[in-house]
Protein backbone atom coordinates (compact mmCIF):
# COMPACT_ATOMS: atom_id res chain seq x y z
CA MET A 1 -18.34 5.58 -29.43
CA ILE A 2 -15.46 3.08 -28.11
CA ASP A 3 -12.81 5.62 -29.67
CA LEU A 4 -14.24 8.48 -27.96
CA TRP A 5 -14.27 6.68 -24.56
CA LEU A 6 -10.69 5.72 -25.09
CA ALA A 7 -9.95 9.12 -25.75
CA LEU A 8 -11.08 10.62 -22.40
CA PRO A 9 -8.59 11.26 -19.79
CA ALA A 10 -8.54 8.50 -16.95
CA TRP A 11 -10.28 10.97 -14.26
CA ALA A 12 -13.17 11.61 -16.97
CA GLN A 13 -13.51 7.91 -17.33
CA ASP A 14 -13.84 7.58 -13.56
CA LEU A 15 -16.36 10.09 -13.18
CA ALA A 16 -18.44 8.71 -15.91
CA ILE A 17 -18.70 5.62 -14.29
CA LEU A 18 -19.25 7.06 -10.84
CA LEU A 19 -22.12 9.09 -12.55
CA ALA A 20 -23.70 6.23 -14.18
CA LEU A 21 -23.88 4.25 -10.96
CA THR A 22 -25.18 6.99 -8.89
CA ILE A 23 -27.74 8.07 -11.47
CA VAL A 24 -29.63 4.66 -11.14
CA PRO A 25 -30.79 5.34 -7.66
CA ALA A 26 -31.69 8.72 -8.39
CA ILE A 27 -33.96 7.77 -11.09
CA MET A 28 -35.30 5.07 -8.89
CA ALA A 29 -36.18 7.83 -6.51
CA LEU A 30 -37.82 10.25 -8.92
CA LEU A 31 -39.92 7.32 -10.28
CA VAL A 32 -41.07 5.91 -6.69
CA LEU A 33 -41.58 9.38 -5.04
CA ARG A 34 -43.10 11.16 -7.89
CA GLY A 35 -46.00 13.10 -6.65
CA TYR A 36 -45.47 11.89 -2.83
CA ALA A 37 -43.62 13.29 0.05
CA PRO A 38 -43.56 10.37 2.90
CA GLY A 39 -40.52 11.93 4.87
CA ALA A 40 -42.42 12.60 7.95
CA LEU A 41 -43.91 9.07 7.90
CA ILE A 42 -40.09 7.72 7.15
CA ARG A 43 -38.70 9.56 9.93
CA ALA A 44 -41.28 8.13 12.43
CA VAL A 45 -40.67 4.68 11.32
CA LEU A 46 -36.90 5.14 11.87
CA ARG A 47 -37.55 6.77 15.22
CA ARG A 48 -39.78 3.81 15.99
CA PHE A 49 -37.40 1.08 15.35
CA GLY A 50 -34.08 3.10 16.10
CA TRP A 51 -31.96 0.07 17.49
CA THR A 52 -33.15 -2.19 14.85
CA ASN A 53 -32.09 0.34 12.06
CA ALA A 54 -28.90 0.99 13.45
CA ALA A 55 -28.11 -2.58 13.32
CA PHE A 56 -28.93 -2.74 9.89
CA VAL A 57 -26.76 0.45 9.12
CA ALA A 58 -23.90 -0.94 11.23
CA LEU A 59 -23.95 -4.32 9.15
CA ILE A 60 -23.93 -2.59 5.87
CA ALA A 61 -21.21 -0.01 6.89
CA VAL A 62 -18.98 -3.02 8.20
CA SER A 63 -19.47 -4.74 4.86
CA VAL A 64 -18.64 -1.92 2.70
CA GLY A 65 -15.97 -0.52 5.18
CA LEU A 66 -13.80 -3.98 4.76
CA GLY A 67 -14.03 -4.10 1.10
CA VAL A 68 -13.13 -0.41 0.67
CA GLY A 69 -10.29 -0.79 3.15
CA LEU A 70 -8.67 -3.89 1.54
CA ILE A 71 -8.60 -2.47 -2.04
CA ALA A 72 -7.28 0.93 -0.84
CA GLN A 73 -4.65 -0.88 1.26
CA GLU A 74 -3.46 -2.93 -1.79
CA ARG A 75 -3.06 -0.01 -4.00
CA GLY A 76 -1.09 1.84 -0.97
CA LEU A 77 1.25 -0.96 -0.86
CA ARG A 78 1.95 -0.93 -4.51
CA GLN A 79 2.64 2.59 -4.36
CA GLY A 80 4.81 2.24 -1.24
CA THR A 81 7.09 -0.41 -2.65
CA ALA A 82 7.56 1.33 -6.04
CA GLN A 83 8.60 4.68 -3.87
CA ALA A 84 10.90 2.33 -1.98
CA ALA A 85 12.73 1.33 -5.24
CA ASP A 86 12.68 4.79 -6.85
CA LYS A 87 16.40 5.37 -5.76
CA PHE A 88 17.64 1.97 -7.33
CA ASP A 89 17.63 2.72 -11.00
CA LEU A 90 20.00 -0.47 -11.88
CA ILE A 91 21.49 -3.25 -9.75
CA VAL A 92 24.36 -5.51 -10.80
CA ALA A 93 24.66 -8.56 -8.93
CA ALA A 94 26.28 -12.04 -9.25
CA PRO A 95 23.77 -14.43 -11.10
CA GLY A 96 21.28 -15.65 -9.05
CA SER A 97 17.61 -14.90 -8.05
CA GLU A 98 16.31 -11.30 -8.98
CA MET A 99 13.73 -11.14 -6.43
CA THR A 100 16.25 -12.19 -3.81
CA MET A 101 18.69 -9.57 -4.66
CA MET A 102 16.15 -6.85 -4.78
CA LEU A 103 14.89 -7.73 -1.43
CA ALA A 104 18.34 -7.62 -0.16
CA SER A 105 19.53 -4.57 -1.64
CA VAL A 106 16.16 -2.60 -1.82
CA PHE A 107 14.21 -3.66 1.35
CA LEU A 108 17.29 -4.79 3.54
CA GLN A 109 16.12 -8.19 3.91
CA PRO A 110 19.14 -10.69 5.18
CA SER A 111 20.16 -13.19 2.27
CA ASN A 112 23.19 -15.26 1.63
CA VAL A 113 24.39 -14.31 -2.05
CA ALA A 114 27.50 -14.50 -4.06
CA LEU A 115 29.98 -11.58 -4.49
CA ILE A 116 31.13 -9.41 -7.28
CA ASP A 117 35.15 -9.34 -7.25
CA GLY A 118 37.25 -6.41 -7.66
CA PRO A 119 37.84 -6.18 -11.31
CA THR A 120 34.34 -6.61 -11.97
CA TYR A 121 33.37 -3.68 -10.06
CA ALA A 122 36.06 -1.50 -11.61
CA GLU A 123 34.84 -2.29 -14.90
CA ILE A 124 31.46 -1.37 -13.69
CA ALA A 125 32.63 1.90 -11.87
CA THR A 126 34.65 3.28 -14.72
CA HIS A 127 32.16 2.73 -17.27
CA PRO A 128 31.76 6.03 -19.03
CA GLN A 129 27.96 6.25 -18.79
CA VAL A 130 27.80 5.32 -15.26
CA ARG A 131 27.90 8.31 -12.72
CA ILE A 132 27.11 6.28 -9.32
CA ALA A 133 28.61 2.74 -8.80
CA ALA A 134 27.56 2.05 -5.03
CA PRO A 135 29.04 -0.98 -3.63
CA LEU A 136 26.79 -2.73 -0.60
CA ALA A 137 28.16 -4.56 2.15
CA PHE A 138 25.85 -6.29 4.68
CA GLY A 139 25.97 -8.68 7.63
CA ASP A 140 26.04 -6.44 10.76
CA SER A 141 23.58 -4.62 12.98
CA TRP A 142 23.05 -2.33 15.81
CA GLU A 143 19.87 -3.23 18.04
CA ASP A 144 17.12 -3.56 15.06
CA ALA A 145 19.01 -1.69 12.67
CA PRO A 146 21.08 -2.86 9.80
CA VAL A 147 24.51 -1.45 9.49
CA VAL A 148 25.07 -1.16 5.49
CA GLY A 149 28.48 -0.24 4.08
CA THR A 150 28.36 1.71 0.86
CA THR A 151 29.78 5.30 -0.32
CA GLY A 152 28.74 8.70 0.83
CA GLU A 153 27.60 9.71 -2.61
CA PHE A 154 25.02 6.97 -2.63
CA ALA A 155 24.00 8.16 0.93
CA ARG A 156 23.57 11.55 -0.47
CA HIS A 157 21.65 10.21 -3.42
CA LEU A 158 19.31 8.16 -1.32
CA SER A 159 18.16 11.05 0.85
CA ASP A 160 18.02 13.56 -1.74
CA ASP A 161 21.03 15.35 -0.04
CA ARG A 162 18.83 16.05 2.89
CA ILE A 163 21.36 14.90 5.65
CA GLU A 164 21.27 16.67 9.19
CA GLY A 165 25.36 17.30 10.00
CA ARG A 166 27.20 15.64 7.21
CA THR A 167 28.38 12.46 5.51
CA TRP A 168 31.43 10.66 6.58
CA GLN A 169 34.98 11.65 6.19
CA ALA A 170 36.59 8.83 8.06
CA TRP A 171 36.44 5.04 7.92
CA ASP A 172 34.84 4.78 11.42
CA GLU A 173 32.14 7.49 10.90
CA ALA A 174 28.34 6.79 10.11
CA VAL A 175 24.93 8.42 8.84
CA ALA A 176 22.09 7.18 10.42
CA GLY A 177 18.38 6.81 9.20
CA ALA A 178 15.61 8.89 10.12
CA PHE A 179 14.13 6.45 12.61
CA VAL A 180 17.57 5.11 14.15
CA PRO A 181 17.61 5.94 17.94
CA LEU A 182 21.07 7.47 17.54
CA ALA A 183 22.12 11.49 17.63
CA VAL A 184 24.76 12.98 15.92
CA GLY A 185 27.88 12.40 17.89
CA ASP A 186 26.55 9.17 19.53
CA ARG A 187 29.11 6.09 19.05
CA PHE A 188 27.83 2.44 18.60
CA LEU A 189 29.35 -0.62 18.27
CA PRO A 190 27.85 -2.97 15.52
CA ALA A 191 26.92 -6.75 16.15
CA HIS A 192 28.00 -9.41 13.83
CA GLY A 193 24.57 -10.75 11.97
CA LEU A 194 21.12 -9.51 11.91
CA GLY A 195 17.97 -9.99 14.11
CA ASP A 196 17.94 -13.06 16.73
CA ALA A 197 21.10 -14.43 14.89
CA ALA A 198 23.23 -11.17 16.01
CA GLU A 199 26.38 -12.11 17.97
CA GLU A 200 27.54 -9.10 20.37
CA GLY A 201 31.14 -8.52 21.23
CA VAL A 202 32.63 -10.08 17.87
CA HIS A 203 33.80 -6.50 16.52
CA ALA A 204 35.72 -4.37 18.21
CA ASP A 205 35.43 -1.12 16.09
CA GLU A 206 32.92 1.55 16.97
CA ALA A 207 31.74 4.11 14.88
CA THR A 208 30.31 7.61 15.51
CA ILE A 209 27.24 9.08 13.91
CA VAL A 210 28.10 12.28 11.96
CA GLY A 211 24.73 12.93 9.89
CA ARG A 212 21.05 11.83 9.90
CA MET A 213 19.19 11.47 6.94
CA ALA A 214 15.80 12.70 6.53
CA PRO A 215 12.82 10.28 6.22
CA THR A 216 12.64 8.53 2.64
CA GLY A 217 9.63 6.17 3.47
CA THR A 218 11.81 3.15 3.09
CA PRO A 219 13.46 0.47 5.03
CA TRP A 220 16.62 2.47 4.96
CA ASP A 221 14.99 4.81 7.53
CA ARG A 222 15.97 2.23 10.15
CA ALA A 223 19.52 1.61 8.59
CA ILE A 224 22.89 2.89 9.69
CA LEU A 225 24.94 3.84 6.79
CA VAL A 226 28.75 3.45 7.14
CA PRO A 227 31.68 3.60 4.68
CA VAL A 228 32.04 0.09 2.97
CA GLU A 229 35.65 0.05 4.38
CA PHE A 230 34.19 -0.04 7.84
CA VAL A 231 32.73 -3.57 7.01
CA TRP A 232 35.69 -4.87 5.39
CA VAL A 233 37.68 -3.35 8.02
CA THR A 234 35.72 -4.72 11.12
CA HIS A 235 35.42 -8.23 9.24
CA GLY A 236 39.24 -8.28 8.50
CA LEU A 237 38.69 -8.11 4.81
CA TYR A 238 40.64 -5.17 4.00
CA GLY A 239 44.05 -6.39 5.05
CA GLY A 240 46.46 -4.47 7.21
CA MET A 241 45.89 -0.87 8.90
CA PRO A 242 42.23 0.89 8.37
CA PRO A 243 42.40 3.45 5.42
CA GLU A 244 43.33 6.92 5.86
CA PRO A 245 40.74 9.75 5.24
CA SER A 246 41.93 10.45 1.70
CA GLU A 247 41.33 6.69 0.83
CA ILE A 248 37.59 6.28 1.80
CA GLY A 249 35.35 6.05 -1.12
CA PRO A 250 35.73 5.15 -4.82
CA PRO A 251 38.06 4.41 -6.76
CA PHE A 252 38.71 1.14 -5.07
CA ASP A 253 41.75 -0.66 -5.55
CA PRO A 254 40.76 -4.02 -7.39
CA GLU A 255 43.37 -6.02 -5.66
CA ARG A 256 42.22 -5.16 -2.18
CA PHE A 257 38.52 -5.01 -2.95
CA PRO A 258 36.91 -7.91 -1.00
CA GLY A 259 33.61 -8.19 -3.30
CA THR A 260 30.20 -6.79 -2.84
CA PRO A 261 26.84 -8.56 -3.22
CA ALA A 262 25.49 -5.62 -5.17
CA VAL A 263 26.36 -2.63 -7.05
CA ILE A 264 23.60 0.05 -7.13
CA VAL A 265 24.27 1.55 -10.73
CA ARG A 266 22.96 5.18 -11.84
CA ALA A 267 23.65 6.39 -15.51
CA ASP A 268 23.86 9.83 -16.67
CA GLU A 269 20.81 9.37 -19.12
CA LEU A 270 18.00 7.48 -18.73
CA TRP A 271 18.48 5.51 -21.88
CA ALA A 272 21.84 4.52 -20.76
CA ASN A 273 20.50 2.12 -17.80
CA TYR A 274 19.04 -0.15 -20.81
CA ALA A 275 22.31 -0.34 -22.46
CA LEU A 276 24.12 -1.13 -19.03
CA ARG A 277 21.75 -3.93 -18.23
CA SER A 278 22.52 -5.35 -21.85
CA GLU A 279 26.18 -5.01 -21.24
CA PHE A 280 26.22 -6.43 -17.71
CA THR A 281 24.20 -9.33 -17.88
CA ARG A 282 26.56 -12.02 -18.31
CA GLU A 283 25.68 -15.59 -17.70
CA ALA A 284 28.58 -16.51 -15.70
CA GLU A 285 29.81 -13.35 -14.28
CA THR A 286 26.89 -10.96 -13.35
CA MET A 287 23.28 -9.96 -13.60
CA ALA A 288 21.80 -6.72 -14.15
CA PHE A 289 18.07 -5.87 -13.49
CA PHE A 290 15.56 -3.03 -12.88
CA PRO A 291 13.88 -3.26 -9.28
CA GLY A 292 10.94 -1.67 -10.88
CA ALA A 293 10.68 -4.59 -13.43
CA VAL A 294 10.80 -7.14 -10.89
CA LEU A 295 8.26 -5.34 -8.96
CA ALA A 296 6.04 -5.19 -11.76
CA GLY A 297 5.89 -9.04 -12.09
CA LEU A 298 5.23 -9.01 -8.24
CA TYR A 299 2.39 -6.42 -8.99
CA ARG A 300 0.74 -8.94 -11.41
CA VAL A 301 0.75 -11.45 -8.89
CA MET A 302 -0.82 -8.79 -6.18
CA GLY A 303 -3.27 -7.88 -9.30
CA ASP A 304 -4.56 -11.34 -9.08
CA VAL A 305 -5.00 -11.14 -5.55
CA ARG A 306 -6.62 -7.47 -5.84
CA GLN A 307 -9.02 -9.15 -8.45
CA ALA A 308 -9.64 -12.06 -5.68
CA MET A 309 -10.29 -9.66 -2.96
CA SER A 310 -12.44 -7.42 -5.00
CA ILE A 311 -14.87 -10.34 -5.93
CA MET A 312 -14.75 -11.39 -2.21
CA ALA A 313 -15.64 -8.10 -1.41
CA LEU A 314 -18.41 -8.00 -3.97
CA VAL A 315 -19.89 -11.22 -2.93
CA THR A 316 -19.93 -10.29 0.67
CA GLN A 317 -21.58 -7.27 -0.13
CA GLY A 318 -24.23 -9.03 -1.89
CA LEU A 319 -24.87 -11.40 0.73
CA VAL A 320 -24.92 -8.31 2.99
CA ALA A 321 -27.48 -6.71 0.69
CA ALA A 322 -29.66 -9.88 0.28
CA SER A 323 -29.33 -10.14 4.09
CA VAL A 324 -30.86 -6.76 4.38
CA LEU A 325 -33.68 -7.03 2.04
CA LEU A 326 -34.72 -10.23 3.89
CA GLY A 327 -34.45 -8.41 7.06
CA LEU A 328 -36.38 -5.49 5.70
CA VAL A 329 -39.03 -8.13 4.92
CA ILE A 330 -38.94 -9.39 8.20
CA LEU A 331 -38.72 -5.87 9.71
CA MET A 332 -42.01 -4.72 7.78
CA ARG A 333 -43.97 -7.59 9.83
CA LEU A 334 -43.29 -5.38 12.89
CA PHE A 335 -45.48 -2.49 11.51
CA ARG A 336 -47.54 -4.32 8.96
CA ARG A 337 -50.54 -3.41 10.95
CA GLN A 338 -49.55 0.19 10.33
CA VAL A 339 -49.06 -0.42 6.69
CA ALA A 340 -52.50 -2.20 6.40
CA LEU A 341 -53.99 0.68 7.96
CA LEU A 342 -52.58 3.12 5.46
CA ARG A 343 -53.97 0.83 2.87
CA ALA A 344 -57.26 0.77 4.72
CA LEU A 345 -57.78 4.42 5.01
CA GLY A 346 -57.29 4.78 1.26
CA ALA A 347 -53.53 5.22 0.89
CA PRO A 348 -52.47 4.52 -2.75
CA GLY A 349 -50.55 1.32 -3.37
CA ARG A 350 -47.78 3.44 -4.93
CA PHE A 351 -47.55 5.57 -1.78
CA VAL A 352 -47.00 2.48 0.32
CA LEU A 353 -44.47 1.31 -2.35
CA ALA A 354 -42.82 4.89 -1.70
CA VAL A 355 -42.69 4.68 2.10
CA ILE A 356 -41.35 1.12 1.94
CA TRP A 357 -38.80 1.76 -0.77
CA SER A 358 -37.62 4.94 0.76
CA TYR A 359 -37.30 3.56 4.46
CA GLY A 360 -34.93 0.89 2.93
CA ALA A 361 -33.12 3.40 0.88
CA ALA A 362 -32.27 5.45 3.65
CA LEU A 363 -30.82 2.71 5.69
CA ILE A 364 -28.98 1.34 2.62
CA ALA A 365 -27.44 4.77 1.78
CA ALA A 366 -26.73 5.62 5.69
CA GLY A 367 -24.73 2.43 5.91
CA ALA A 368 -22.85 3.07 2.72
CA VAL A 369 -21.74 6.44 3.50
CA MET A 370 -20.75 5.23 6.90
CA GLY A 371 -18.75 2.33 5.14
CA LEU A 372 -16.46 4.73 3.42
CA GLY A 373 -15.67 6.10 6.78
CA VAL A 374 -15.00 2.74 7.99
CA GLY A 375 -13.00 1.65 5.13
CA TRP A 376 -10.94 5.02 5.56
CA VAL A 377 -9.96 3.91 9.24
CA ALA A 378 -9.59 0.40 8.37
CA ALA A 379 -7.18 1.60 5.66
CA GLU A 380 -5.31 4.02 7.93
CA LEU A 381 -4.94 1.41 10.68
CA LEU A 382 -3.58 -1.54 8.28
CA SER A 383 -1.40 1.15 6.63
CA ARG A 384 0.29 1.85 9.92
CA ILE A 385 0.60 -1.73 10.90
CA VAL A 386 2.34 -2.45 7.47
CA THR A 387 4.49 0.60 7.67
CA ALA A 388 5.48 -0.49 11.13
CA ARG A 389 6.25 -4.07 10.32
CA THR A 390 8.09 -3.65 6.71
CA ASP A 391 9.53 0.11 7.25
CA ILE A 392 7.60 0.89 3.80
CA LEU A 393 5.74 3.95 3.89
CA VAL A 394 2.09 2.94 3.07
CA VAL A 395 -0.28 5.56 2.70
CA ALA A 396 -3.62 4.19 1.70
CA ARG A 397 -5.99 6.83 0.60
CA LEU A 398 -9.66 6.47 -0.75
CA GLY A 399 -9.76 6.86 -4.65
CA TRP A 400 -11.93 6.25 -7.42
CA PRO A 401 -12.15 2.56 -7.10
CA GLU A 402 -13.37 2.84 -3.63
CA LEU A 403 -16.06 5.15 -4.91
CA HIS A 404 -17.09 3.09 -7.56
CA LEU A 405 -17.65 -0.11 -5.38
CA VAL A 406 -19.49 2.05 -2.72
CA ALA A 407 -21.82 3.37 -5.70
CA GLY A 408 -22.19 0.04 -7.37
CA PHE A 409 -23.46 -1.44 -3.97
CA LEU A 410 -25.69 1.49 -3.64
CA CYS A 411 -27.14 1.05 -7.21
CA ALA A 412 -27.71 -2.65 -6.77
CA ALA A 413 -29.16 -2.37 -3.56
CA THR A 414 -31.58 0.31 -4.22
CA VAL A 415 -32.85 -1.53 -7.29
CA LEU A 416 -33.48 -4.44 -5.51
CA LEU A 417 -35.39 -2.79 -2.83
CA ILE A 418 -38.23 -2.98 -5.02
CA VAL A 419 -38.73 -6.72 -4.31
CA PRO A 420 -39.61 -6.24 -0.17
CA ALA A 421 -41.76 -3.36 -1.32
CA PHE A 422 -43.86 -5.15 -3.52
CA THR A 423 -43.94 -8.28 -1.23
CA VAL A 424 -45.63 -6.26 1.76
CA LEU A 425 -47.96 -4.63 -1.00
CA ARG A 426 -49.15 -8.28 -1.76
CA GLN A 427 -50.19 -8.85 1.81
CA PRO A 428 -53.98 -9.06 2.39
CA VAL A 429 -55.15 -5.87 4.11
CA VAL A 430 -57.83 -7.67 6.64
CA LYS A 431 -54.83 -9.96 7.69
CA GLY A 432 -52.83 -7.27 8.22
CA LEU A 433 -55.13 -5.33 10.53
CA ARG A 434 -55.93 -8.41 12.58
CA ALA A 435 -52.04 -8.91 13.23
C-alpha cells in the first residue's frame, strides 16, 4: 500500500489528501441529516441572529486567512529567491563567506569583500569549458539604483537578450534595469557609495543610457549596468586614458586588471559547472559555489520557520475552533426556549441535533471559505510589500498546502460540533420552556 502511494504523482497525492479531509464532513452531514430537512429552520436562525453569526464567521475567516496567507507567502518567497538566482550558475570569488558573496552578487547587497586578481581571472576566463566569465564591480550608485560594472555579454544573458535599444559600445555607455527611472538617451552621474553613505560629486565621468532591460523579477531590475571599465576609470584604477571602443570587454589584460570581487561563470555544459567548482575551489586563492546550493541551506532554515508557522496556524485555528464551539454553546442559550419548544412539540432528538449541527457547520463552512479569500488578499498584499522592499518578484498563489489547511480545519471543527449539539440536547425541556 505504501509503495502504491509513493508511486502516485504529487498532484494525485495532494488530491487524495484533500478528498480524505473533505469526505469526513460529508459523511457527518449524511449521518446527521439523514431523513430530515431542517433548512428552513436554520435559515430562520441565521437571520434572527445575523450580527452575531457574522461576527463568528469573521472570526473564523481571519484565523484561517492568516494561516493561509503566511504559508503561501513563505512558498512565494522561496520561489522568488530561486528565480533571482537562476541566471547565476556558478560564482567564483575570493575565499570568504558564500552567503555574503551570494547576497552581494545575486541580490546586490553592499558588502566589503576581497578581490580576485588579473591572472586568476584570466585563468577562469580562458578555461576551455567556460562560455561566460563576467567580472562584477560594485561601489557606486545613482539615486537608489546601484551601478554595477560587468560585461555586455552578461547583460544580455541576465535579460535573456531582451534589451530595448542596445548594449554598450563605449566605456561611458550603460544599460538600465527595467525599474530605473532613466530613458534611453538620458545621462547620469554616479555617486560614490550606496544608500545613505553615497557621496555626490566625487566622480566626474557621466554615462549615457543606451538600453533598458526587460523585467527580470530580481534586484537587478533597479540596477544600472555599465562596462566594468567605467567603474575602473571613474575610480582611477585603469591607469591612463579611458579605453577605446575596441578595448571594451574581454579579454582583459591581466596586468591592467584591477581586480573583481566576483566572477559569474557559465559553462558550455551543465556537468562542467561541477568540474569548474572543484577546480576553482582553492583554499588560499578562490572559492567557487552554486548560489542554488547556498539558497538550499537557507530554505532548510525557512522550512523550519514554515513548520513553526504552520504549527502556530494550526494552534490558532484550534483555539478559534474551540472558541467558536464554546460560543455556539453560549449562543444556543439565546434560543434555548425555541429548542425546548421543538422538543415539547414532539420533534425527535436527532432532528434537534441536525438543526444545531447544521447551524454550526454553516457558520464554520462560510468562515473557512471566506478565509481562503482573506488568505489570498493577505498573501497578495504581503507579496507586494516584500517585492517593493527587496526587489525580488514574489508571487504568492494559493496551492495544495493551503487547501489542506482549510479542509483540515473544516474536518476537525465539524466533528467537534457534536459536542455543543449534545450539550443542548441534555438540557431539561421544562427548564428551557421557562427561560
